[in-house]
């Protein structure tokens, strides 16, 4: 989330953990980065992706947009307020 807040496109290698795979899919669906399988995680592929991020500014744009949307939700204080309101 911090990367998105600063408008940094993400390269995610989620492994086999459901939450990480879900988060990686969310990044891909937002067109704010890419998801890699473990066997694709190597220098050549990483360089190609970073180059694509530099050439195709849509990743930066979408990352920044997603980060701004996350910030607008209110963060942890909003969550605490909600939890306190239902207790």
PDB file of N, CA and C in Angstrom:
ATOM      1  N   UNK A   1       0.816  -1.192   0.000  1.00  0.00           N
ATOM      2  CA  UNK A   1       0.000   0.000   0.000  1.00  0.00           C
ATOM      3  C   UNK A   1       0.860   1.255   0.000  1.00  0.00           C
ATOM      4  N   UNK A   2       1.975   1.212   0.694  1.00  0.00           N
ATOM      5  CA  UNK A   2       2.847   2.391   0.741  1.00  0.00           C
ATOM      6  C   UNK A   2       3.352   2.741  -0.653  1.00  0.00           C
ATOM      7  N   UNK A   3       3.729   1.726  -1.418  1.00  0.00           N
ATOM      8  CA  UNK A   3       4.181   1.975  -2.784  1.00  0.00           C
ATOM      9  C   UNK A   3       3.112   2.664  -3.614  1.00  0.00           C
ATOM     10  N   UNK A   4       1.880   2.226  -3.481  1.00  0.00           N
ATOM     11  CA  UNK A   4       0.790   2.842  -4.229  1.00  0.00           C
ATOM     12  C   UNK A   4       0.568   4.286  -3.793  1.00  0.00           C
ATOM     13  N   UNK A   5       0.650   4.532  -2.487  1.00  0.00           N
ATOM     14  CA  UNK A   5       0.454   5.886  -1.985  1.00  0.00           C
ATOM     15  C   UNK A   5       1.454   6.849  -2.621  1.00  0.00           C
ATOM     16  N   UNK A   6       2.667   6.356  -2.894  1.00  0.00           N
ATOM     17  CA  UNK A   6       3.688   7.196  -3.526  1.00  0.00           C
ATOM     18  C   UNK A   6       3.704   7.055  -5.050  1.00  0.00           C
ATOM     19  N   UNK A   7       2.739   6.356  -5.614  1.00  0.00           N
ATOM     20  CA  UNK A   7       2.638   6.224  -7.059  1.00  0.00           C
ATOM     21  C   UNK A   7       3.689   5.337  -7.678  1.00  0.00           C
ATOM     22  N   UNK A   8       4.122   4.310  -6.937  1.00  0.00           N
ATOM     23  CA  UNK A   8       5.151   3.396  -7.435  1.00  0.00           C
ATOM     24  C   UNK A   8       4.486   2.114  -7.941  1.00  0.00           C
ATOM     25  N   UNK A   9       4.633   1.804  -9.231  1.00  0.00           N
ATOM     26  CA  UNK A   9       4.092   0.546  -9.745  1.00  0.00           C
ATOM     27  C   UNK A   9       4.699  -0.649  -9.006  1.00  0.00           C
ATOM     28  N   UNK A  10       3.921  -1.697  -8.877  1.00  0.00           N
ATOM     29  CA  UNK A  10       4.322  -2.835  -8.065  1.00  0.00           C
ATOM     30  C   UNK A  10       4.712  -4.048  -8.909  1.00  0.00           C
ATOM     31  N   UNK A  11       5.750  -4.730  -8.457  1.00  0.00           N
ATOM     32  CA  UNK A  11       6.102  -6.052  -8.967  1.00  0.00           C
ATOM     33  C   UNK A  11       5.883  -6.995  -7.788  1.00  0.00           C
ATOM     34  N   UNK A  12       4.897  -7.858  -7.903  1.00  0.00           N
ATOM     35  CA  UNK A  12       4.502  -8.708  -6.789  1.00  0.00           C
ATOM     36  C   UNK A  12       4.783 -10.161  -7.125  1.00  0.00           C
ATOM     37  N   UNK A  13       5.448 -10.830  -6.200  1.00  0.00           N
ATOM     38  CA  UNK A  13       5.702 -12.270  -6.319  1.00  0.00           C
ATOM     39  C   UNK A  13       5.036 -12.917  -5.098  1.00  0.00           C
ATOM     40  N   UNK A  14       3.749 -13.261  -5.203  1.00  0.00           N
ATOM     41  CA  UNK A  14       2.962 -13.613  -4.027  1.00  0.00           C
ATOM     42  C   UNK A  14       3.168 -15.006  -3.453  1.00  0.00           C
ATOM     43  N   UNK A  15       3.774 -15.903  -4.191  1.00  0.00           N
ATOM     44  CA  UNK A  15       3.894 -17.272  -3.688  1.00  0.00           C
ATOM     45  C   UNK A  15       2.526 -17.938  -3.632  1.00  0.00           C
ATOM     46  N   UNK A  16       2.351 -18.837  -2.691  1.00  0.00           N
ATOM     47  CA  UNK A  16       1.107 -19.611  -2.621  1.00  0.00           C
ATOM     48  C   UNK A  16       0.186 -19.199  -1.479  1.00  0.00           C
ATOM     49  N   UNK A  17       0.377 -18.009  -0.939  1.00  0.00           N
ATOM     50  CA  UNK A  17      -0.459 -17.522   0.154  1.00  0.00           C
ATOM     51  C   UNK A  17      -1.663 -16.804  -0.450  1.00  0.00           C
ATOM     52  N   UNK A  18      -2.882 -17.239  -0.056  1.00  0.00           N
ATOM     53  CA  UNK A  18      -4.098 -16.697  -0.666  1.00  0.00           C
ATOM     54  C   UNK A  18      -4.161 -15.178  -0.590  1.00  0.00           C
ATOM     55  N   UNK A  19      -3.916 -14.601   0.581  1.00  0.00           N
ATOM     56  CA  UNK A  19      -4.018 -13.147   0.747  1.00  0.00           C
ATOM     57  C   UNK A  19      -3.065 -12.420  -0.195  1.00  0.00           C
ATOM     58  N   UNK A  20      -1.857 -12.939  -0.324  1.00  0.00           N
ATOM     59  CA  UNK A  20      -0.872 -12.304  -1.213  1.00  0.00           C
ATOM     60  C   UNK A  20      -1.287 -12.449  -2.672  1.00  0.00           C
ATOM     61  N   UNK A  21      -1.840 -13.601  -3.019  1.00  0.00           N
ATOM     62  CA  UNK A  21      -2.305 -13.810  -4.393  1.00  0.00           C
ATOM     63  C   UNK A  21      -3.482 -12.870  -4.701  1.00  0.00           C
ATOM     64  N   UNK A  22      -4.361 -12.705  -3.726  1.00  0.00           N
ATOM     65  CA  UNK A  22      -5.489 -11.791  -3.888  1.00  0.00           C
ATOM     66  C   UNK A  22      -4.980 -10.358  -4.090  1.00  0.00           C
ATOM     67  N   UNK A  23      -4.037  -9.937  -3.245  1.00  0.00           N
ATOM     68  CA  UNK A  23      -3.477  -8.587  -3.361  1.00  0.00           C
ATOM     69  C   UNK A  23      -2.765  -8.397  -4.696  1.00  0.00           C
ATOM     70  N   UNK A  24      -2.034  -9.407  -5.136  1.00  0.00           N
ATOM     71  CA  UNK A  24      -1.341  -9.327  -6.423  1.00  0.00           C
ATOM     72  C   UNK A  24      -2.353  -9.195  -7.565  1.00  0.00           C
ATOM     73  N   UNK A  25      -3.427  -9.983  -7.497  1.00  0.00           N
ATOM     74  CA  UNK A  25      -4.467  -9.897  -8.528  1.00  0.00           C
ATOM     75  C   UNK A  25      -5.111  -8.518  -8.529  1.00  0.00           C
ATOM     76  N   UNK A  26      -5.272  -7.925  -7.354  1.00  0.00           N
ATOM     77  CA  UNK A  26      -5.849  -6.579  -7.261  1.00  0.00           C
ATOM     78  C   UNK A  26      -4.948  -5.559  -7.948  1.00  0.00           C
ATOM     79  N   UNK A  27      -3.641  -5.670  -7.741  1.00  0.00           N
ATOM     80  CA  UNK A  27      -2.679  -4.773  -8.383  1.00  0.00           C
ATOM     81  C   UNK A  27      -2.758  -4.914  -9.898  1.00  0.00           C
ATOM     82  N   UNK A  28      -2.818  -6.149 -10.370  1.00  0.00           N
ATOM     83  CA  UNK A  28      -2.907  -6.408 -11.810  1.00  0.00           C
ATOM     84  C   UNK A  28      -4.215  -5.847 -12.362  1.00  0.00           C
ATOM     85  N   UNK A  29      -5.329  -6.068 -11.655  1.00  0.00           N
ATOM     86  CA  UNK A  29      -6.633  -5.574 -12.116  1.00  0.00           C
ATOM     87  C   UNK A  29      -6.678  -4.054 -12.177  1.00  0.00           C
ATOM     88  N   UNK A  30      -5.954  -3.396 -11.285  1.00  0.00           N
ATOM     89  CA  UNK A  30      -5.872  -1.934 -11.303  1.00  0.00           C
ATOM     90  C   UNK A  30      -4.919  -1.422 -12.384  1.00  0.00           C
ATOM     91  N   UNK A  31      -4.185  -2.328 -12.997  1.00  0.00           N
ATOM     92  CA  UNK A  31      -3.129  -1.984 -13.966  1.00  0.00           C
ATOM     93  C   UNK A  31      -2.102  -1.059 -13.304  1.00  0.00           C
ATOM     94  N   UNK A  32      -1.803  -1.419 -12.032  1.00  0.00           N
ATOM     95  CA  UNK A  32      -0.837  -0.659 -11.241  1.00  0.00           C
ATOM     96  C   UNK A  32       0.429  -1.465 -11.007  1.00  0.00           C
ATOM     97  N   UNK A  33       0.582  -2.572 -11.720  1.00  0.00           N
ATOM     98  CA  UNK A  33       1.763  -3.411 -11.582  1.00  0.00           C
ATOM     99  C   UNK A  33       1.526  -4.785 -12.178  1.00  0.00           C
ATOM    100  N   UNK A  34       2.471  -5.666 -11.901  1.00  0.00           N
ATOM    101  CA  UNK A  34       2.408  -7.026 -12.436  1.00  0.00           C
ATOM    102  C   UNK A  34       2.641  -8.031 -11.318  1.00  0.00           C
ATOM    103  N   UNK A  35       2.176  -9.233 -11.565  1.00  0.00           N
ATOM    104  CA  UNK A  35       2.372 -10.335 -10.631  1.00  0.00           C
ATOM    105  C   UNK A  35       3.248 -11.383 -11.313  1.00  0.00           C
ATOM    106  N   UNK A  36       4.197 -11.915 -10.561  1.00  0.00           N
ATOM    107  CA  UNK A  36       5.113 -12.930 -11.091  1.00  0.00           C
ATOM    108  C   UNK A  36       4.999 -14.213 -10.289  1.00  0.00           C
ATOM    109  N   UNK A  37       5.113 -15.297 -10.972  1.00  0.00           N
ATOM    110  CA  UNK A  37       5.269 -16.584 -10.292  1.00  0.00           C
ATOM    111  C   UNK A  37       6.738 -16.704  -9.884  1.00  0.00           C
ATOM    112  N   UNK A  38       6.997 -17.524  -8.898  1.00  0.00           N
ATOM    113  CA  UNK A  38       8.361 -17.651  -8.353  1.00  0.00           C
ATOM    114  C   UNK A  38       9.388 -18.005  -9.435  1.00  0.00           C
ATOM    115  N   UNK A  39       9.021 -18.870 -10.371  1.00  0.00           N
ATOM    116  CA  UNK A  39       9.980 -19.283 -11.400  1.00  0.00           C
ATOM    117  C   UNK A  39      10.236 -18.185 -12.452  1.00  0.00           C
ATOM    118  N   UNK A  40       9.425 -17.119 -12.427  1.00  0.00           N
ATOM    119  CA  UNK A  40       9.638 -15.986 -13.335  1.00  0.00           C
ATOM    120  C   UNK A  40      10.420 -14.859 -12.679  1.00  0.00           C
ATOM    121  N   UNK A  41      10.776 -15.034 -11.420  1.00  0.00           N
ATOM    122  CA  UNK A  41      11.453 -13.983 -10.666  1.00  0.00           C
ATOM    123  C   UNK A  41      12.948 -14.073 -10.920  1.00  0.00           C
ATOM    124  N   UNK A  42      13.411 -13.333 -11.950  1.00  0.00           N
ATOM    125  CA  UNK A  42      14.837 -13.300 -12.262  1.00  0.00           C
ATOM    126  C   UNK A  42      15.195 -11.920 -12.813  1.00  0.00           C
ATOM    127  N   UNK A  43      16.466 -11.619 -12.859  1.00  0.00           N
ATOM    128  CA  UNK A  43      16.944 -10.284 -13.222  1.00  0.00           C
ATOM    129  C   UNK A  43      16.459  -9.839 -14.597  1.00  0.00           C
ATOM    130  N   UNK A  44      16.487 -10.726 -15.558  1.00  0.00           N
ATOM    131  CA  UNK A  44      16.087 -10.366 -16.920  1.00  0.00           C
ATOM    132  C   UNK A  44      14.625  -9.930 -16.964  1.00  0.00           C
ATOM    133  N   UNK A  45      13.759 -10.683 -16.322  1.00  0.00           N
ATOM    134  CA  UNK A  45      12.330 -10.351 -16.321  1.00  0.00           C
ATOM    135  C   UNK A  45      12.076  -9.076 -15.526  1.00  0.00           C
ATOM    136  N   UNK A  46      12.734  -8.930 -14.381  1.00  0.00           N
ATOM    137  CA  UNK A  46      12.566  -7.720 -13.567  1.00  0.00           C
ATOM    138  C   UNK A  46      12.996  -6.482 -14.358  1.00  0.00           C
ATOM    139  N   UNK A  47      14.139  -6.552 -15.046  1.00  0.00           N
ATOM    140  CA  UNK A  47      14.604  -5.424 -15.861  1.00  0.00           C
ATOM    141  C   UNK A  47      13.584  -5.078 -16.941  1.00  0.00           C
ATOM    142  N   UNK A  48      13.019  -6.091 -17.580  1.00  0.00           N
ATOM    143  CA  UNK A  48      12.022  -5.863 -18.633  1.00  0.00           C
ATOM    144  C   UNK A  48      10.784  -5.170 -18.061  1.00  0.00           C
ATOM    145  N   UNK A  49      10.325  -5.612 -16.907  1.00  0.00           N
ATOM    146  CA  UNK A  49       9.142  -5.013 -16.287  1.00  0.00           C
ATOM    147  C   UNK A  49       9.422  -3.564 -15.890  1.00  0.00           C
ATOM    148  N   UNK A  50      10.569  -3.312 -15.266  1.00  0.00           N
ATOM    149  CA  UNK A  50      10.917  -1.947 -14.856  1.00  0.00           C
ATOM    150  C   UNK A  50      11.012  -1.046 -16.086  1.00  0.00           C
ATOM    151  N   UNK A  51      11.593  -1.537 -17.152  1.00  0.00           N
ATOM    152  CA  UNK A  51      11.662  -0.765 -18.395  1.00  0.00           C
ATOM    153  C   UNK A  51      10.261  -0.458 -18.906  1.00  0.00           C
ATOM    154  N   UNK A  52       9.373  -1.445 -18.853  1.00  0.00           N
ATOM    155  CA  UNK A  52       7.988  -1.240 -19.282  1.00  0.00           C
ATOM    156  C   UNK A  52       7.313  -0.181 -18.413  1.00  0.00           C
ATOM    157  N   UNK A  53       7.564  -0.205 -17.107  1.00  0.00           N
ATOM    158  CA  UNK A  53       7.018   0.812 -16.212  1.00  0.00           C
ATOM    159  C   UNK A  53       7.506   2.204 -16.617  1.00  0.00           C
ATOM    160  N   UNK A  54       8.770   2.305 -17.007  1.00  0.00           N
ATOM    161  CA  UNK A  54       9.340   3.601 -17.395  1.00  0.00           C
ATOM    162  C   UNK A  54       8.797   4.097 -18.725  1.00  0.00           C
ATOM    163  N   UNK A  55       8.524   3.183 -19.629  1.00  0.00           N
ATOM    164  CA  UNK A  55       8.022   3.549 -20.949  1.00  0.00           C
ATOM    165  C   UNK A  55       6.511   3.790 -20.911  1.00  0.00           C
ATOM    166  N   UNK A  56       5.797   2.895 -20.265  1.00  0.00           N
ATOM    167  CA  UNK A  56       4.341   2.952 -20.224  1.00  0.00           C
ATOM    168  C   UNK A  56       3.906   3.588 -18.912  1.00  0.00           C
ATOM    169  N   UNK A  57       3.692   4.882 -18.921  1.00  0.00           N
ATOM    170  CA  UNK A  57       3.404   5.648 -17.696  1.00  0.00           C
ATOM    171  C   UNK A  57       2.031   5.335 -17.090  1.00  0.00           C
ATOM    172  N   UNK A  58       1.226   4.509 -17.750  1.00  0.00           N
ATOM    173  CA  UNK A  58      -0.088   4.167 -17.205  1.00  0.00           C
ATOM    174  C   UNK A  58       0.049   3.458 -15.856  1.00  0.00           C
ATOM    175  N   UNK A  59       1.132   2.701 -15.678  1.00  0.00           N
ATOM    176  CA  UNK A  59       1.348   2.022 -14.396  1.00  0.00           C
ATOM    177  C   UNK A  59       1.554   3.039 -13.262  1.00  0.00           C
ATOM    178  N   UNK A  60       2.342   4.067 -13.524  1.00  0.00           N
ATOM    179  CA  UNK A  60       2.571   5.113 -12.527  1.00  0.00           C
ATOM    180  C   UNK A  60       1.264   5.854 -12.251  1.00  0.00           C
ATOM    181  N   UNK A  61       0.569   6.206 -13.309  1.00  0.00           N
ATOM    182  CA  UNK A  61      -0.701   6.920 -13.169  1.00  0.00           C
ATOM    183  C   UNK A  61      -1.691   6.107 -12.326  1.00  0.00           C
ATOM    184  N   UNK A  62      -1.850   4.837 -12.667  1.00  0.00           N
ATOM    185  CA  UNK A  62      -2.807   3.993 -11.951  1.00  0.00           C
ATOM    186  C   UNK A  62      -2.367   3.713 -10.519  1.00  0.00           C
ATOM    187  N   UNK A  63      -1.068   3.605 -10.301  1.00  0.00           N
ATOM    188  CA  UNK A  63      -0.567   3.412  -8.939  1.00  0.00           C
ATOM    189  C   UNK A  63      -0.893   4.620  -8.082  1.00  0.00           C
ATOM    190  N   UNK A  64      -0.619   5.787  -8.631  1.00  0.00           N
ATOM    191  CA  UNK A  64      -0.890   7.023  -7.891  1.00  0.00           C
ATOM    192  C   UNK A  64      -2.383   7.183  -7.623  1.00  0.00           C
ATOM    193  N   UNK A  65      -3.189   6.893  -8.617  1.00  0.00           N
ATOM    194  CA  UNK A  65      -4.649   6.977  -8.472  1.00  0.00           C
ATOM    195  C   UNK A  65      -5.137   6.028  -7.375  1.00  0.00           C
ATOM    196  N   UNK A  66      -4.634   4.806  -7.369  1.00  0.00           N
ATOM    197  CA  UNK A  66      -5.014   3.832  -6.335  1.00  0.00           C
ATOM    198  C   UNK A  66      -4.560   4.299  -4.961  1.00  0.00           C
ATOM    199  N   UNK A  67      -3.356   4.855  -4.877  1.00  0.00           N
ATOM    200  CA  UNK A  67      -2.849   5.370  -3.612  1.00  0.00           C
ATOM    201  C   UNK A  67      -3.700   6.507  -3.079  1.00  0.00           C
ATOM    202  N   UNK A  68      -4.108   7.408  -3.961  1.00  0.00           N
ATOM    203  CA  UNK A  68      -4.962   8.523  -3.546  1.00  0.00           C
ATOM    204  C   UNK A  68      -6.308   8.011  -3.035  1.00  0.00           C
ATOM    205  N   UNK A  69      -6.826   6.995  -3.708  1.00  0.00           N
ATOM    206  CA  UNK A  69      -8.095   6.410  -3.268  1.00  0.00           C
ATOM    207  C   UNK A  69      -7.946   5.744  -1.897  1.00  0.00           C
ATOM    208  N   UNK A  70      -6.838   5.039  -1.695  1.00  0.00           N
ATOM    209  CA  UNK A  70      -6.586   4.429  -0.379  1.00  0.00           C
ATOM    210  C   UNK A  70      -6.524   5.490   0.718  1.00  0.00           C
ATOM    211  N   UNK A  71      -5.810   6.581   0.445  1.00  0.00           N
ATOM    212  CA  UNK A  71      -5.698   7.656   1.431  1.00  0.00           C
ATOM    213  C   UNK A  71      -7.052   8.281   1.744  1.00  0.00           C
ATOM    214  N   UNK A  72      -7.900   8.379   0.740  1.00  0.00           N
ATOM    215  CA  UNK A  72      -9.213   9.008   0.943  1.00  0.00           C
ATOM    216  C   UNK A  72     -10.132   8.171   1.834  1.00  0.00           C
ATOM    217  N   UNK A  73      -9.806   6.909   2.031  1.00  0.00           N
ATOM    218  CA  UNK A  73     -10.651   6.026   2.847  1.00  0.00           C
ATOM    219  C   UNK A  73     -10.490   6.277   4.344  1.00  0.00           C
ATOM    220  N   UNK A  74      -9.434   6.956   4.764  1.00  0.00           N
ATOM    221  CA  UNK A  74      -9.296   7.340   6.152  1.00  0.00           C
ATOM    222  C   UNK A  74      -8.329   6.528   6.983  1.00  0.00           C
ATOM    223  N   UNK A  75      -7.790   5.460   6.459  1.00  0.00           N
ATOM    224  CA  UNK A  75      -6.766   4.693   7.163  1.00  0.00           C
ATOM    225  C   UNK A  75      -7.245   4.009   8.426  1.00  0.00           C
ATOM    226  N   UNK A  76      -6.287   3.719   9.283  1.00  0.00           N
ATOM    227  CA  UNK A  76      -6.578   2.931  10.482  1.00  0.00           C
ATOM    228  C   UNK A  76      -7.492   3.664  11.449  1.00  0.00           C
ATOM    229  N   UNK A  77      -7.400   4.982  11.515  1.00  0.00           N
ATOM    230  CA  UNK A  77      -8.277   5.701  12.442  1.00  0.00           C
ATOM    231  C   UNK A  77      -9.747   5.524  12.054  1.00  0.00           C
ATOM    232  N   UNK A  78     -10.019   5.458  10.771  1.00  0.00           N
ATOM    233  CA  UNK A  78     -11.390   5.220  10.293  1.00  0.00           C
ATOM    234  C   UNK A  78     -11.858   3.824  10.688  1.00  0.00           C
ATOM    235  N   UNK A  79     -10.973   2.845  10.575  1.00  0.00           N
ATOM    236  CA  UNK A  79     -11.302   1.476  10.972  1.00  0.00           C
ATOM    237  C   UNK A  79     -11.608   1.417  12.467  1.00  0.00           C
ATOM    238  N   UNK A  80     -10.768   2.055  13.267  1.00  0.00           N
ATOM    239  CA  UNK A  80     -10.978   2.067  14.719  1.00  0.00           C
ATOM    240  C   UNK A  80     -12.311   2.735  15.050  1.00  0.00           C
ATOM    241  N   UNK A  81     -12.602   3.849  14.413  1.00  0.00           N
ATOM    242  CA  UNK A  81     -13.873   4.544  14.645  1.00  0.00           C
ATOM    243  C   UNK A  81     -15.058   3.630  14.317  1.00  0.00           C
ATOM    244  N   UNK A  82     -14.968   2.920  13.208  1.00  0.00           N
ATOM    245  CA  UNK A  82     -16.043   2.015  12.823  1.00  0.00           C
ATOM    246  C   UNK A  82     -16.226   0.906  13.833  1.00  0.00           C
ATOM    247  N   UNK A  83     -15.131   0.289  14.243  1.00  0.00           N
ATOM    248  CA  UNK A  83     -15.199  -0.804  15.221  1.00  0.00           C
ATOM    249  C   UNK A  83     -15.798  -0.304  16.531  1.00  0.00           C
ATOM    250  N   UNK A  84     -15.360   0.878  16.964  1.00  0.00           N
ATOM    251  CA  UNK A  84     -15.897   1.445  18.205  1.00  0.00           C
ATOM    252  C   UNK A  84     -17.384   1.751  18.084  1.00  0.00           C
ATOM    253  N   UNK A  85     -17.823   2.125  16.909  1.00  0.00           N
ATOM    254  CA  UNK A  85     -19.246   2.457  16.715  1.00  0.00           C
ATOM    255  C   UNK A  85     -20.147   1.225  16.767  1.00  0.00           C
ATOM    256  N   UNK A  86     -19.595   0.053  16.476  1.00  0.00           N
ATOM    257  CA  UNK A  86     -20.432  -1.150  16.516  1.00  0.00           C
ATOM    258  C   UNK A  86     -20.320  -1.933  17.814  1.00  0.00           C
ATOM    259  N   UNK A  87     -19.403  -1.497  18.672  1.00  0.00           N
ATOM    260  CA  UNK A  87     -19.230  -2.204  19.947  1.00  0.00           C
ATOM    261  C   UNK A  87     -20.181  -1.649  20.993  1.00  0.00           C
TER     262      UNK A  87
END
